[in-house]
PDBML (XML) file of the C-alpha atoms, coordinates in Angstrom:
<?xml version="1.0" encoding="UTF-8" ?>
<PDBx:datablock datablockName="MODEL"
   xmlns:PDBx="http://pdbml.pdb.org/schema/pdbx-v50.xsd"
   xmlns:xsi="http://www.w3.org/2001/XMLSchema-instance"
   xsi:schemaLocation="http://pdbml.pdb.org/schema/pdbx-v50.xsd pdbx-v50.xsd">
   <PDBx:atom_siteCategory>
      <PDBx:atom_site id="1">
         <PDBx:B_iso_or_equiv>0.00</PDBx:B_iso_or_equiv>
         <PDBx:Cartn_x>4.856</PDBx:Cartn_x>
         <PDBx:Cartn_y>7.145</PDBx:Cartn_y>
         <PDBx:Cartn_z>-9.631</PDBx:Cartn_z>
         <PDBx:auth_asym_id>A</PDBx:auth_asym_id>
         <PDBx:auth_atom_id>CA</PDBx:auth_atom_id>
         <PDBx:auth_comp_id>GLY</PDBx:auth_comp_id>
         <PDBx:auth_seq_id>1</PDBx:auth_seq_id>
         <PDBx:group_PDB>ATOM</PDBx:group_PDB>
         <PDBx:label_alt_id xsi:nil="true" />
         <PDBx:label_asym_id>A</PDBx:label_asym_id>
         <PDBx:label_atom_id>CA</PDBx:label_atom_id>
         <PDBx:label_comp_id>GLY</PDBx:label_comp_id>
         <PDBx:label_entity_id>1</PDBx:label_entity_id>
         <PDBx:label_seq_id>1</PDBx:label_seq_id>
         <PDBx:occupancy>1.00</PDBx:occupancy>
         <PDBx:pdbx_PDB_model_num>1</PDBx:pdbx_PDB_model_num>
         <PDBx:type_symbol>C</PDBx:type_symbol>
      </PDBx:atom_site>
      <PDBx:atom_site id="2">
         <PDBx:B_iso_or_equiv>0.00</PDBx:B_iso_or_equiv>
         <PDBx:Cartn_x>2.123</PDBx:Cartn_x>
         <PDBx:Cartn_y>7.731</PDBx:Cartn_y>
         <PDBx:Cartn_z>-7.333</PDBx:Cartn_z>
         <PDBx:auth_asym_id>A</PDBx:auth_asym_id>
         <PDBx:auth_atom_id>CA</PDBx:auth_atom_id>
         <PDBx:auth_comp_id>PRO</PDBx:auth_comp_id>
         <PDBx:auth_seq_id>2</PDBx:auth_seq_id>
         <PDBx:group_PDB>ATOM</PDBx:group_PDB>
         <PDBx:label_alt_id xsi:nil="true" />
         <PDBx:label_asym_id>A</PDBx:label_asym_id>
         <PDBx:label_atom_id>CA</PDBx:label_atom_id>
         <PDBx:label_comp_id>PRO</PDBx:label_comp_id>
         <PDBx:label_entity_id>1</PDBx:label_entity_id>
         <PDBx:label_seq_id>2</PDBx:label_seq_id>
         <PDBx:occupancy>1.00</PDBx:occupancy>
         <PDBx:pdbx_PDB_model_num>1</PDBx:pdbx_PDB_model_num>
         <PDBx:type_symbol>C</PDBx:type_symbol>
      </PDBx:atom_site>
      <PDBx:atom_site id="3">
         <PDBx:B_iso_or_equiv>0.00</PDBx:B_iso_or_equiv>
         <PDBx:Cartn_x>2.373</PDBx:Cartn_x>
         <PDBx:Cartn_y>8.018</PDBx:Cartn_y>
         <PDBx:Cartn_z>-3.785</PDBx:Cartn_z>
         <PDBx:auth_asym_id>A</PDBx:auth_asym_id>
         <PDBx:auth_atom_id>CA</PDBx:auth_atom_id>
         <PDBx:auth_comp_id>VAL</PDBx:auth_comp_id>
         <PDBx:auth_seq_id>3</PDBx:auth_seq_id>
         <PDBx:group_PDB>ATOM</PDBx:group_PDB>
         <PDBx:label_alt_id xsi:nil="true" />
         <PDBx:label_asym_id>A</PDBx:label_asym_id>
         <PDBx:label_atom_id>CA</PDBx:label_atom_id>
         <PDBx:label_comp_id>VAL</PDBx:label_comp_id>
         <PDBx:label_entity_id>1</PDBx:label_entity_id>
         <PDBx:label_seq_id>3</PDBx:label_seq_id>
         <PDBx:occupancy>1.00</PDBx:occupancy>
         <PDBx:pdbx_PDB_model_num>1</PDBx:pdbx_PDB_model_num>
         <PDBx:type_symbol>C</PDBx:type_symbol>
      </PDBx:atom_site>
      <PDBx:atom_site id="4">
         <PDBx:B_iso_or_equiv>0.00</PDBx:B_iso_or_equiv>
         <PDBx:Cartn_x>-0.586</PDBx:Cartn_x>
         <PDBx:Cartn_y>5.890</PDBx:Cartn_y>
         <PDBx:Cartn_z>-1.244</PDBx:Cartn_z>
         <PDBx:auth_asym_id>A</PDBx:auth_asym_id>
         <PDBx:auth_atom_id>CA</PDBx:auth_atom_id>
         <PDBx:auth_comp_id>ALA</PDBx:auth_comp_id>
         <PDBx:auth_seq_id>4</PDBx:auth_seq_id>
         <PDBx:group_PDB>ATOM</PDBx:group_PDB>
         <PDBx:label_alt_id xsi:nil="true" />
         <PDBx:label_asym_id>A</PDBx:label_asym_id>
         <PDBx:label_atom_id>CA</PDBx:label_atom_id>
         <PDBx:label_comp_id>ALA</PDBx:label_comp_id>
         <PDBx:label_entity_id>1</PDBx:label_entity_id>
         <PDBx:label_seq_id>4</PDBx:label_seq_id>
         <PDBx:occupancy>1.00</PDBx:occupancy>
         <PDBx:pdbx_PDB_model_num>1</PDBx:pdbx_PDB_model_num>
         <PDBx:type_symbol>C</PDBx:type_symbol>
      </PDBx:atom_site>
      <PDBx:atom_site id="5">
         <PDBx:B_iso_or_equiv>0.00</PDBx:B_iso_or_equiv>
         <PDBx:Cartn_x>-1.440</PDBx:Cartn_x>
         <PDBx:Cartn_y>7.974</PDBx:Cartn_y>
         <PDBx:Cartn_z>1.886</PDBx:Cartn_z>
         <PDBx:auth_asym_id>A</PDBx:auth_asym_id>
         <PDBx:auth_atom_id>CA</PDBx:auth_atom_id>
         <PDBx:auth_comp_id>SER</PDBx:auth_comp_id>
         <PDBx:auth_seq_id>5</PDBx:auth_seq_id>
         <PDBx:group_PDB>ATOM</PDBx:group_PDB>
         <PDBx:label_alt_id xsi:nil="true" />
         <PDBx:label_asym_id>A</PDBx:label_asym_id>
         <PDBx:label_atom_id>CA</PDBx:label_atom_id>
         <PDBx:label_comp_id>SER</PDBx:label_comp_id>
         <PDBx:label_entity_id>1</PDBx:label_entity_id>
         <PDBx:label_seq_id>5</PDBx:label_seq_id>
         <PDBx:occupancy>1.00</PDBx:occupancy>
         <PDBx:pdbx_PDB_model_num>1</PDBx:pdbx_PDB_model_num>
         <PDBx:type_symbol>C</PDBx:type_symbol>
      </PDBx:atom_site>
      <PDBx:atom_site id="6">
         <PDBx:B_iso_or_equiv>0.00</PDBx:B_iso_or_equiv>
         <PDBx:Cartn_x>-3.386</PDBx:Cartn_x>
         <PDBx:Cartn_y>6.764</PDBx:Cartn_y>
         <PDBx:Cartn_z>3.797</PDBx:Cartn_z>
         <PDBx:auth_asym_id>A</PDBx:auth_asym_id>
         <PDBx:auth_atom_id>CA</PDBx:auth_atom_id>
         <PDBx:auth_comp_id>GLY</PDBx:auth_comp_id>
         <PDBx:auth_seq_id>6</PDBx:auth_seq_id>
         <PDBx:group_PDB>ATOM</PDBx:group_PDB>
         <PDBx:label_alt_id xsi:nil="true" />
         <PDBx:label_asym_id>A</PDBx:label_asym_id>
         <PDBx:label_atom_id>CA</PDBx:label_atom_id>
         <PDBx:label_comp_id>GLY</PDBx:label_comp_id>
         <PDBx:label_entity_id>1</PDBx:label_entity_id>
         <PDBx:label_seq_id>6</PDBx:label_seq_id>
         <PDBx:occupancy>1.00</PDBx:occupancy>
         <PDBx:pdbx_PDB_model_num>1</PDBx:pdbx_PDB_model_num>
         <PDBx:type_symbol>C</PDBx:type_symbol>
      </PDBx:atom_site>
      <PDBx:atom_site id="7">
         <PDBx:B_iso_or_equiv>0.00</PDBx:B_iso_or_equiv>
         <PDBx:Cartn_x>-3.492</PDBx:Cartn_x>
         <PDBx:Cartn_y>6.753</PDBx:Cartn_y>
         <PDBx:Cartn_z>8.609</PDBx:Cartn_z>
         <PDBx:auth_asym_id>A</PDBx:auth_asym_id>
         <PDBx:auth_atom_id>CA</PDBx:auth_atom_id>
         <PDBx:auth_comp_id>ASP</PDBx:auth_comp_id>
         <PDBx:auth_seq_id>7</PDBx:auth_seq_id>
         <PDBx:group_PDB>ATOM</PDBx:group_PDB>
         <PDBx:label_alt_id xsi:nil="true" />
         <PDBx:label_asym_id>A</PDBx:label_asym_id>
         <PDBx:label_atom_id>CA</PDBx:label_atom_id>
         <PDBx:label_comp_id>ASP</PDBx:label_comp_id>
         <PDBx:label_entity_id>1</PDBx:label_entity_id>
         <PDBx:label_seq_id>7</PDBx:label_seq_id>
         <PDBx:occupancy>1.00</PDBx:occupancy>
         <PDBx:pdbx_PDB_model_num>1</PDBx:pdbx_PDB_model_num>
         <PDBx:type_symbol>C</PDBx:type_symbol>
      </PDBx:atom_site>
      <PDBx:atom_site id="8">
         <PDBx:B_iso_or_equiv>0.00</PDBx:B_iso_or_equiv>
         <PDBx:Cartn_x>-1.879</PDBx:Cartn_x>
         <PDBx:Cartn_y>3.034</PDBx:Cartn_y>
         <PDBx:Cartn_z>8.351</PDBx:Cartn_z>
         <PDBx:auth_asym_id>A</PDBx:auth_asym_id>
         <PDBx:auth_atom_id>CA</PDBx:auth_atom_id>
         <PDBx:auth_comp_id>GLU</PDBx:auth_comp_id>
         <PDBx:auth_seq_id>8</PDBx:auth_seq_id>
         <PDBx:group_PDB>ATOM</PDBx:group_PDB>
         <PDBx:label_alt_id xsi:nil="true" />
         <PDBx:label_asym_id>A</PDBx:label_asym_id>
         <PDBx:label_atom_id>CA</PDBx:label_atom_id>
         <PDBx:label_comp_id>GLU</PDBx:label_comp_id>
         <PDBx:label_entity_id>1</PDBx:label_entity_id>
         <PDBx:label_seq_id>8</PDBx:label_seq_id>
         <PDBx:occupancy>1.00</PDBx:occupancy>
         <PDBx:pdbx_PDB_model_num>1</PDBx:pdbx_PDB_model_num>
         <PDBx:type_symbol>C</PDBx:type_symbol>
      </PDBx:atom_site>
      <PDBx:atom_site id="9">
         <PDBx:B_iso_or_equiv>0.00</PDBx:B_iso_or_equiv>
         <PDBx:Cartn_x>1.838</PDBx:Cartn_x>
         <PDBx:Cartn_y>0.993</PDBx:Cartn_y>
         <PDBx:Cartn_z>9.112</PDBx:Cartn_z>
         <PDBx:auth_asym_id>A</PDBx:auth_asym_id>
         <PDBx:auth_atom_id>CA</PDBx:auth_atom_id>
         <PDBx:auth_comp_id>ASP</PDBx:auth_comp_id>
         <PDBx:auth_seq_id>9</PDBx:auth_seq_id>
         <PDBx:group_PDB>ATOM</PDBx:group_PDB>
         <PDBx:label_alt_id xsi:nil="true" />
         <PDBx:label_asym_id>A</PDBx:label_asym_id>
         <PDBx:label_atom_id>CA</PDBx:label_atom_id>
         <PDBx:label_comp_id>ASP</PDBx:label_comp_id>
         <PDBx:label_entity_id>1</PDBx:label_entity_id>
         <PDBx:label_seq_id>9</PDBx:label_seq_id>
         <PDBx:occupancy>1.00</PDBx:occupancy>
         <PDBx:pdbx_PDB_model_num>1</PDBx:pdbx_PDB_model_num>
         <PDBx:type_symbol>C</PDBx:type_symbol>
      </PDBx:atom_site>
      <PDBx:atom_site id="10">
         <PDBx:B_iso_or_equiv>0.00</PDBx:B_iso_or_equiv>
         <PDBx:Cartn_x>1.597</PDBx:Cartn_x>
         <PDBx:Cartn_y>-0.744</PDBx:Cartn_y>
         <PDBx:Cartn_z>5.951</PDBx:Cartn_z>
         <PDBx:auth_asym_id>A</PDBx:auth_asym_id>
         <PDBx:auth_atom_id>CA</PDBx:auth_atom_id>
         <PDBx:auth_comp_id>VAL</PDBx:auth_comp_id>
         <PDBx:auth_seq_id>10</PDBx:auth_seq_id>
         <PDBx:group_PDB>ATOM</PDBx:group_PDB>
         <PDBx:label_alt_id xsi:nil="true" />
         <PDBx:label_asym_id>A</PDBx:label_asym_id>
         <PDBx:label_atom_id>CA</PDBx:label_atom_id>
         <PDBx:label_comp_id>VAL</PDBx:label_comp_id>
         <PDBx:label_entity_id>1</PDBx:label_entity_id>
         <PDBx:label_seq_id>10</PDBx:label_seq_id>
         <PDBx:occupancy>1.00</PDBx:occupancy>
         <PDBx:pdbx_PDB_model_num>1</PDBx:pdbx_PDB_model_num>
         <PDBx:type_symbol>C</PDBx:type_symbol>
      </PDBx:atom_site>
      <PDBx:atom_site id="11">
         <PDBx:B_iso_or_equiv>0.00</PDBx:B_iso_or_equiv>
         <PDBx:Cartn_x>4.316</PDBx:Cartn_x>
         <PDBx:Cartn_y>-3.689</PDBx:Cartn_y>
         <PDBx:Cartn_z>7.939</PDBx:Cartn_z>
         <PDBx:auth_asym_id>A</PDBx:auth_asym_id>
         <PDBx:auth_atom_id>CA</PDBx:auth_atom_id>
         <PDBx:auth_comp_id>MET</PDBx:auth_comp_id>
         <PDBx:auth_seq_id>11</PDBx:auth_seq_id>
         <PDBx:group_PDB>ATOM</PDBx:group_PDB>
         <PDBx:label_alt_id xsi:nil="true" />
         <PDBx:label_asym_id>A</PDBx:label_asym_id>
         <PDBx:label_atom_id>CA</PDBx:label_atom_id>
         <PDBx:label_comp_id>MET</PDBx:label_comp_id>
         <PDBx:label_entity_id>1</PDBx:label_entity_id>
         <PDBx:label_seq_id>11</PDBx:label_seq_id>
         <PDBx:occupancy>1.00</PDBx:occupancy>
         <PDBx:pdbx_PDB_model_num>1</PDBx:pdbx_PDB_model_num>
         <PDBx:type_symbol>C</PDBx:type_symbol>
      </PDBx:atom_site>
      <PDBx:atom_site id="12">
         <PDBx:B_iso_or_equiv>0.00</PDBx:B_iso_or_equiv>
         <PDBx:Cartn_x>3.118</PDBx:Cartn_x>
         <PDBx:Cartn_y>-7.085</PDBx:Cartn_y>
         <PDBx:Cartn_z>6.524</PDBx:Cartn_z>
         <PDBx:auth_asym_id>A</PDBx:auth_asym_id>
         <PDBx:auth_atom_id>CA</PDBx:auth_atom_id>
         <PDBx:auth_comp_id>ALA</PDBx:auth_comp_id>
         <PDBx:auth_seq_id>12</PDBx:auth_seq_id>
         <PDBx:group_PDB>ATOM</PDBx:group_PDB>
         <PDBx:label_alt_id xsi:nil="true" />
         <PDBx:label_asym_id>A</PDBx:label_asym_id>
         <PDBx:label_atom_id>CA</PDBx:label_atom_id>
         <PDBx:label_comp_id>ALA</PDBx:label_comp_id>
         <PDBx:label_entity_id>1</PDBx:label_entity_id>
         <PDBx:label_seq_id>12</PDBx:label_seq_id>
         <PDBx:occupancy>1.00</PDBx:occupancy>
         <PDBx:pdbx_PDB_model_num>1</PDBx:pdbx_PDB_model_num>
         <PDBx:type_symbol>C</PDBx:type_symbol>
      </PDBx:atom_site>
      <PDBx:atom_site id="13">
         <PDBx:B_iso_or_equiv>0.00</PDBx:B_iso_or_equiv>
         <PDBx:Cartn_x>3.569</PDBx:Cartn_x>
         <PDBx:Cartn_y>-8.700</PDBx:Cartn_y>
         <PDBx:Cartn_z>2.806</PDBx:Cartn_z>
         <PDBx:auth_asym_id>A</PDBx:auth_asym_id>
         <PDBx:auth_atom_id>CA</PDBx:auth_atom_id>
         <PDBx:auth_comp_id>ASP</PDBx:auth_comp_id>
         <PDBx:auth_seq_id>13</PDBx:auth_seq_id>
         <PDBx:group_PDB>ATOM</PDBx:group_PDB>
         <PDBx:label_alt_id xsi:nil="true" />
         <PDBx:label_asym_id>A</PDBx:label_asym_id>
         <PDBx:label_atom_id>CA</PDBx:label_atom_id>
         <PDBx:label_comp_id>ASP</PDBx:label_comp_id>
         <PDBx:label_entity_id>1</PDBx:label_entity_id>
         <PDBx:label_seq_id>13</PDBx:label_seq_id>
         <PDBx:occupancy>1.00</PDBx:occupancy>
         <PDBx:pdbx_PDB_model_num>1</PDBx:pdbx_PDB_model_num>
         <PDBx:type_symbol>C</PDBx:type_symbol>
      </PDBx:atom_site>
      <PDBx:atom_site id="14">
         <PDBx:B_iso_or_equiv>0.00</PDBx:B_iso_or_equiv>
         <PDBx:Cartn_x>0.583</PDBx:Cartn_x>
         <PDBx:Cartn_y>-9.612</PDBx:Cartn_y>
         <PDBx:Cartn_z>2.809</PDBx:Cartn_z>
         <PDBx:auth_asym_id>A</PDBx:auth_asym_id>
         <PDBx:auth_atom_id>CA</PDBx:auth_atom_id>
         <PDBx:auth_comp_id>LYS</PDBx:auth_comp_id>
         <PDBx:auth_seq_id>14</PDBx:auth_seq_id>
         <PDBx:group_PDB>ATOM</PDBx:group_PDB>
         <PDBx:label_alt_id xsi:nil="true" />
         <PDBx:label_asym_id>A</PDBx:label_asym_id>
         <PDBx:label_atom_id>CA</PDBx:label_atom_id>
         <PDBx:label_comp_id>LYS</PDBx:label_comp_id>
         <PDBx:label_entity_id>1</PDBx:label_entity_id>
         <PDBx:label_seq_id>14</PDBx:label_seq_id>
         <PDBx:occupancy>1.00</PDBx:occupancy>
         <PDBx:pdbx_PDB_model_num>1</PDBx:pdbx_PDB_model_num>
         <PDBx:type_symbol>C</PDBx:type_symbol>
      </PDBx:atom_site>
      <PDBx:atom_site id="15">
         <PDBx:B_iso_or_equiv>0.00</PDBx:B_iso_or_equiv>
         <PDBx:Cartn_x>-0.814</PDBx:Cartn_x>
         <PDBx:Cartn_y>-5.489</PDBx:Cartn_y>
         <PDBx:Cartn_z>3.238</PDBx:Cartn_z>
         <PDBx:auth_asym_id>A</PDBx:auth_asym_id>
         <PDBx:auth_atom_id>CA</PDBx:auth_atom_id>
         <PDBx:auth_comp_id>ARG</PDBx:auth_comp_id>
         <PDBx:auth_seq_id>15</PDBx:auth_seq_id>
         <PDBx:group_PDB>ATOM</PDBx:group_PDB>
         <PDBx:label_alt_id xsi:nil="true" />
         <PDBx:label_asym_id>A</PDBx:label_asym_id>
         <PDBx:label_atom_id>CA</PDBx:label_atom_id>
         <PDBx:label_comp_id>ARG</PDBx:label_comp_id>
         <PDBx:label_entity_id>1</PDBx:label_entity_id>
         <PDBx:label_seq_id>15</PDBx:label_seq_id>
         <PDBx:occupancy>1.00</PDBx:occupancy>
         <PDBx:pdbx_PDB_model_num>1</PDBx:pdbx_PDB_model_num>
         <PDBx:type_symbol>C</PDBx:type_symbol>
      </PDBx:atom_site>
      <PDBx:atom_site id="16">
         <PDBx:B_iso_or_equiv>0.00</PDBx:B_iso_or_equiv>
         <PDBx:Cartn_x>2.130</PDBx:Cartn_x>
         <PDBx:Cartn_y>-4.133</PDBx:Cartn_y>
         <PDBx:Cartn_z>0.572</PDBx:Cartn_z>
         <PDBx:auth_asym_id>A</PDBx:auth_asym_id>
         <PDBx:auth_atom_id>CA</PDBx:auth_atom_id>
         <PDBx:auth_comp_id>LYS</PDBx:auth_comp_id>
         <PDBx:auth_seq_id>16</PDBx:auth_seq_id>
         <PDBx:group_PDB>ATOM</PDBx:group_PDB>
         <PDBx:label_alt_id xsi:nil="true" />
         <PDBx:label_asym_id>A</PDBx:label_asym_id>
         <PDBx:label_atom_id>CA</PDBx:label_atom_id>
         <PDBx:label_comp_id>LYS</PDBx:label_comp_id>
         <PDBx:label_entity_id>1</PDBx:label_entity_id>
         <PDBx:label_seq_id>16</PDBx:label_seq_id>
         <PDBx:occupancy>1.00</PDBx:occupancy>
         <PDBx:pdbx_PDB_model_num>1</PDBx:pdbx_PDB_model_num>
         <PDBx:type_symbol>C</PDBx:type_symbol>
      </PDBx:atom_site>
      <PDBx:atom_site id="17">
         <PDBx:B_iso_or_equiv>0.00</PDBx:B_iso_or_equiv>
         <PDBx:Cartn_x>0.777</PDBx:Cartn_x>
         <PDBx:Cartn_y>-6.328</PDBx:Cartn_y>
         <PDBx:Cartn_z>-2.212</PDBx:Cartn_z>
         <PDBx:auth_asym_id>A</PDBx:auth_asym_id>
         <PDBx:auth_atom_id>CA</PDBx:auth_atom_id>
         <PDBx:auth_comp_id>ILE</PDBx:auth_comp_id>
         <PDBx:auth_seq_id>17</PDBx:auth_seq_id>
         <PDBx:group_PDB>ATOM</PDBx:group_PDB>
         <PDBx:label_alt_id xsi:nil="true" />
         <PDBx:label_asym_id>A</PDBx:label_asym_id>
         <PDBx:label_atom_id>CA</PDBx:label_atom_id>
         <PDBx:label_comp_id>ILE</PDBx:label_comp_id>
         <PDBx:label_entity_id>1</PDBx:label_entity_id>
         <PDBx:label_seq_id>17</PDBx:label_seq_id>
         <PDBx:occupancy>1.00</PDBx:occupancy>
         <PDBx:pdbx_PDB_model_num>1</PDBx:pdbx_PDB_model_num>
         <PDBx:type_symbol>C</PDBx:type_symbol>
      </PDBx:atom_site>
      <PDBx:atom_site id="18">
         <PDBx:B_iso_or_equiv>0.00</PDBx:B_iso_or_equiv>
         <PDBx:Cartn_x>-3.188</PDBx:Cartn_x>
         <PDBx:Cartn_y>-5.263</PDBx:Cartn_y>
         <PDBx:Cartn_z>-0.658</PDBx:Cartn_z>
         <PDBx:auth_asym_id>A</PDBx:auth_asym_id>
         <PDBx:auth_atom_id>CA</PDBx:auth_atom_id>
         <PDBx:auth_comp_id>GLU</PDBx:auth_comp_id>
         <PDBx:auth_seq_id>18</PDBx:auth_seq_id>
         <PDBx:group_PDB>ATOM</PDBx:group_PDB>
         <PDBx:label_alt_id xsi:nil="true" />
         <PDBx:label_asym_id>A</PDBx:label_asym_id>
         <PDBx:label_atom_id>CA</PDBx:label_atom_id>
         <PDBx:label_comp_id>GLU</PDBx:label_comp_id>
         <PDBx:label_entity_id>1</PDBx:label_entity_id>
         <PDBx:label_seq_id>18</PDBx:label_seq_id>
         <PDBx:occupancy>1.00</PDBx:occupancy>
         <PDBx:pdbx_PDB_model_num>1</PDBx:pdbx_PDB_model_num>
         <PDBx:type_symbol>C</PDBx:type_symbol>
      </PDBx:atom_site>
      <PDBx:atom_site id="19">
         <PDBx:B_iso_or_equiv>0.00</PDBx:B_iso_or_equiv>
         <PDBx:Cartn_x>-2.658</PDBx:Cartn_x>
         <PDBx:Cartn_y>-1.687</PDBx:Cartn_y>
         <PDBx:Cartn_z>-1.305</PDBx:Cartn_z>
         <PDBx:auth_asym_id>A</PDBx:auth_asym_id>
         <PDBx:auth_atom_id>CA</PDBx:auth_atom_id>
         <PDBx:auth_comp_id>VAL</PDBx:auth_comp_id>
         <PDBx:auth_seq_id>19</PDBx:auth_seq_id>
         <PDBx:group_PDB>ATOM</PDBx:group_PDB>
         <PDBx:label_alt_id xsi:nil="true" />
         <PDBx:label_asym_id>A</PDBx:label_asym_id>
         <PDBx:label_atom_id>CA</PDBx:label_atom_id>
         <PDBx:label_comp_id>VAL</PDBx:label_comp_id>
         <PDBx:label_entity_id>1</PDBx:label_entity_id>
         <PDBx:label_seq_id>19</PDBx:label_seq_id>
         <PDBx:occupancy>1.00</PDBx:occupancy>
         <PDBx:pdbx_PDB_model_num>1</PDBx:pdbx_PDB_model_num>
         <PDBx:type_symbol>C</PDBx:type_symbol>
      </PDBx:atom_site>
      <PDBx:atom_site id="20">
         <PDBx:B_iso_or_equiv>0.00</PDBx:B_iso_or_equiv>
         <PDBx:Cartn_x>0.146</PDBx:Cartn_x>
         <PDBx:Cartn_y>-1.785</PDBx:Cartn_y>
         <PDBx:Cartn_z>-4.584</PDBx:Cartn_z>
         <PDBx:auth_asym_id>A</PDBx:auth_asym_id>
         <PDBx:auth_atom_id>CA</PDBx:auth_atom_id>
         <PDBx:auth_comp_id>LYS</PDBx:auth_comp_id>
         <PDBx:auth_seq_id>20</PDBx:auth_seq_id>
         <PDBx:group_PDB>ATOM</PDBx:group_PDB>
         <PDBx:label_alt_id xsi:nil="true" />
         <PDBx:label_asym_id>A</PDBx:label_asym_id>
         <PDBx:label_atom_id>CA</PDBx:label_atom_id>
         <PDBx:label_comp_id>LYS</PDBx:label_comp_id>
         <PDBx:label_entity_id>1</PDBx:label_entity_id>
         <PDBx:label_seq_id>20</PDBx:label_seq_id>
         <PDBx:occupancy>1.00</PDBx:occupancy>
         <PDBx:pdbx_PDB_model_num>1</PDBx:pdbx_PDB_model_num>
         <PDBx:type_symbol>C</PDBx:type_symbol>
      </PDBx:atom_site>
      <PDBx:atom_site id="21">
         <PDBx:B_iso_or_equiv>0.00</PDBx:B_iso_or_equiv>
         <PDBx:Cartn_x>-3.335</PDBx:Cartn_x>
         <PDBx:Cartn_y>-3.537</PDBx:Cartn_y>
         <PDBx:Cartn_z>-5.755</PDBx:Cartn_z>
         <PDBx:auth_asym_id>A</PDBx:auth_asym_id>
         <PDBx:auth_atom_id>CA</PDBx:auth_atom_id>
         <PDBx:auth_comp_id>LYS</PDBx:auth_comp_id>
         <PDBx:auth_seq_id>21</PDBx:auth_seq_id>
         <PDBx:group_PDB>ATOM</PDBx:group_PDB>
         <PDBx:label_alt_id xsi:nil="true" />
         <PDBx:label_asym_id>A</PDBx:label_asym_id>
         <PDBx:label_atom_id>CA</PDBx:label_atom_id>
         <PDBx:label_comp_id>LYS</PDBx:label_comp_id>
         <PDBx:label_entity_id>1</PDBx:label_entity_id>
         <PDBx:label_seq_id>21</PDBx:label_seq_id>
         <PDBx:occupancy>1.00</PDBx:occupancy>
         <PDBx:pdbx_PDB_model_num>1</PDBx:pdbx_PDB_model_num>
         <PDBx:type_symbol>C</PDBx:type_symbol>
      </PDBx:atom_site>
      <PDBx:atom_site id="22">
         <PDBx:B_iso_or_equiv>0.00</PDBx:B_iso_or_equiv>
         <PDBx:Cartn_x>-4.895</PDBx:Cartn_x>
         <PDBx:Cartn_y>-1.414</PDBx:Cartn_y>
         <PDBx:Cartn_z>-5.628</PDBx:Cartn_z>
         <PDBx:auth_asym_id>A</PDBx:auth_asym_id>
         <PDBx:auth_atom_id>CA</PDBx:auth_atom_id>
         <PDBx:auth_comp_id>GLN</PDBx:auth_comp_id>
         <PDBx:auth_seq_id>22</PDBx:auth_seq_id>
         <PDBx:group_PDB>ATOM</PDBx:group_PDB>
         <PDBx:label_alt_id xsi:nil="true" />
         <PDBx:label_asym_id>A</PDBx:label_asym_id>
         <PDBx:label_atom_id>CA</PDBx:label_atom_id>
         <PDBx:label_comp_id>GLN</PDBx:label_comp_id>
         <PDBx:label_entity_id>1</PDBx:label_entity_id>
         <PDBx:label_seq_id>22</PDBx:label_seq_id>
         <PDBx:occupancy>1.00</PDBx:occupancy>
         <PDBx:pdbx_PDB_model_num>1</PDBx:pdbx_PDB_model_num>
         <PDBx:type_symbol>C</PDBx:type_symbol>
      </PDBx:atom_site>
      <PDBx:atom_site id="23">
         <PDBx:B_iso_or_equiv>0.00</PDBx:B_iso_or_equiv>
         <PDBx:Cartn_x>-3.314</PDBx:Cartn_x>
         <PDBx:Cartn_y>1.255</PDBx:Cartn_y>
         <PDBx:Cartn_z>-5.367</PDBx:Cartn_z>
         <PDBx:auth_asym_id>A</PDBx:auth_asym_id>
         <PDBx:auth_atom_id>CA</PDBx:auth_atom_id>
         <PDBx:auth_comp_id>THR</PDBx:auth_comp_id>
         <PDBx:auth_seq_id>23</PDBx:auth_seq_id>
         <PDBx:group_PDB>ATOM</PDBx:group_PDB>
         <PDBx:label_alt_id xsi:nil="true" />
         <PDBx:label_asym_id>A</PDBx:label_asym_id>
         <PDBx:label_atom_id>CA</PDBx:label_atom_id>
         <PDBx:label_comp_id>THR</PDBx:label_comp_id>
         <PDBx:label_entity_id>1</PDBx:label_entity_id>
         <PDBx:label_seq_id>23</PDBx:label_seq_id>
         <PDBx:occupancy>1.00</PDBx:occupancy>
         <PDBx:pdbx_PDB_model_num>1</PDBx:pdbx_PDB_model_num>
         <PDBx:type_symbol>C</PDBx:type_symbol>
      </PDBx:atom_site>
      <PDBx:atom_site id="24">
         <PDBx:B_iso_or_equiv>0.00</PDBx:B_iso_or_equiv>
         <PDBx:Cartn_x>-0.315</PDBx:Cartn_x>
         <PDBx:Cartn_y>0.759</PDBx:Cartn_y>
         <PDBx:Cartn_z>-8.401</PDBx:Cartn_z>
         <PDBx:auth_asym_id>A</PDBx:auth_asym_id>
         <PDBx:auth_atom_id>CA</PDBx:auth_atom_id>
         <PDBx:auth_comp_id>GLY</PDBx:auth_comp_id>
         <PDBx:auth_seq_id>24</PDBx:auth_seq_id>
         <PDBx:group_PDB>ATOM</PDBx:group_PDB>
         <PDBx:label_alt_id xsi:nil="true" />
         <PDBx:label_asym_id>A</PDBx:label_asym_id>
         <PDBx:label_atom_id>CA</PDBx:label_atom_id>
         <PDBx:label_comp_id>GLY</PDBx:label_comp_id>
         <PDBx:label_entity_id>1</PDBx:label_entity_id>
         <PDBx:label_seq_id>24</PDBx:label_seq_id>
         <PDBx:occupancy>1.00</PDBx:occupancy>
         <PDBx:pdbx_PDB_model_num>1</PDBx:pdbx_PDB_model_num>
         <PDBx:type_symbol>C</PDBx:type_symbol>
      </PDBx:atom_site>
      <PDBx:atom_site id="25">
         <PDBx:B_iso_or_equiv>0.00</PDBx:B_iso_or_equiv>
         <PDBx:Cartn_x>1.877</PDBx:Cartn_x>
         <PDBx:Cartn_y>3.150</PDBx:Cartn_y>
         <PDBx:Cartn_z>-5.692</PDBx:Cartn_z>
         <PDBx:auth_asym_id>A</PDBx:auth_asym_id>
         <PDBx:auth_atom_id>CA</PDBx:auth_atom_id>
         <PDBx:auth_comp_id>ALA</PDBx:auth_comp_id>
         <PDBx:auth_seq_id>25</PDBx:auth_seq_id>
         <PDBx:group_PDB>ATOM</PDBx:group_PDB>
         <PDBx:label_alt_id xsi:nil="true" />
         <PDBx:label_asym_id>A</PDBx:label_asym_id>
         <PDBx:label_atom_id>CA</PDBx:label_atom_id>
         <PDBx:label_comp_id>ALA</PDBx:label_comp_id>
         <PDBx:label_entity_id>1</PDBx:label_entity_id>
         <PDBx:label_seq_id>25</PDBx:label_seq_id>
         <PDBx:occupancy>1.00</PDBx:occupancy>
         <PDBx:pdbx_PDB_model_num>1</PDBx:pdbx_PDB_model_num>
         <PDBx:type_symbol>C</PDBx:type_symbol>
      </PDBx:atom_site>
   </PDBx:atom_siteCategory>
</PDBx:datablock>
């Protein structure tokens, strides 16, 4: 599946949900 790539440590449930919704990764 898709992998989201960005210079950011995703280490919080809220941000995890945002990135998943934004990218479908």
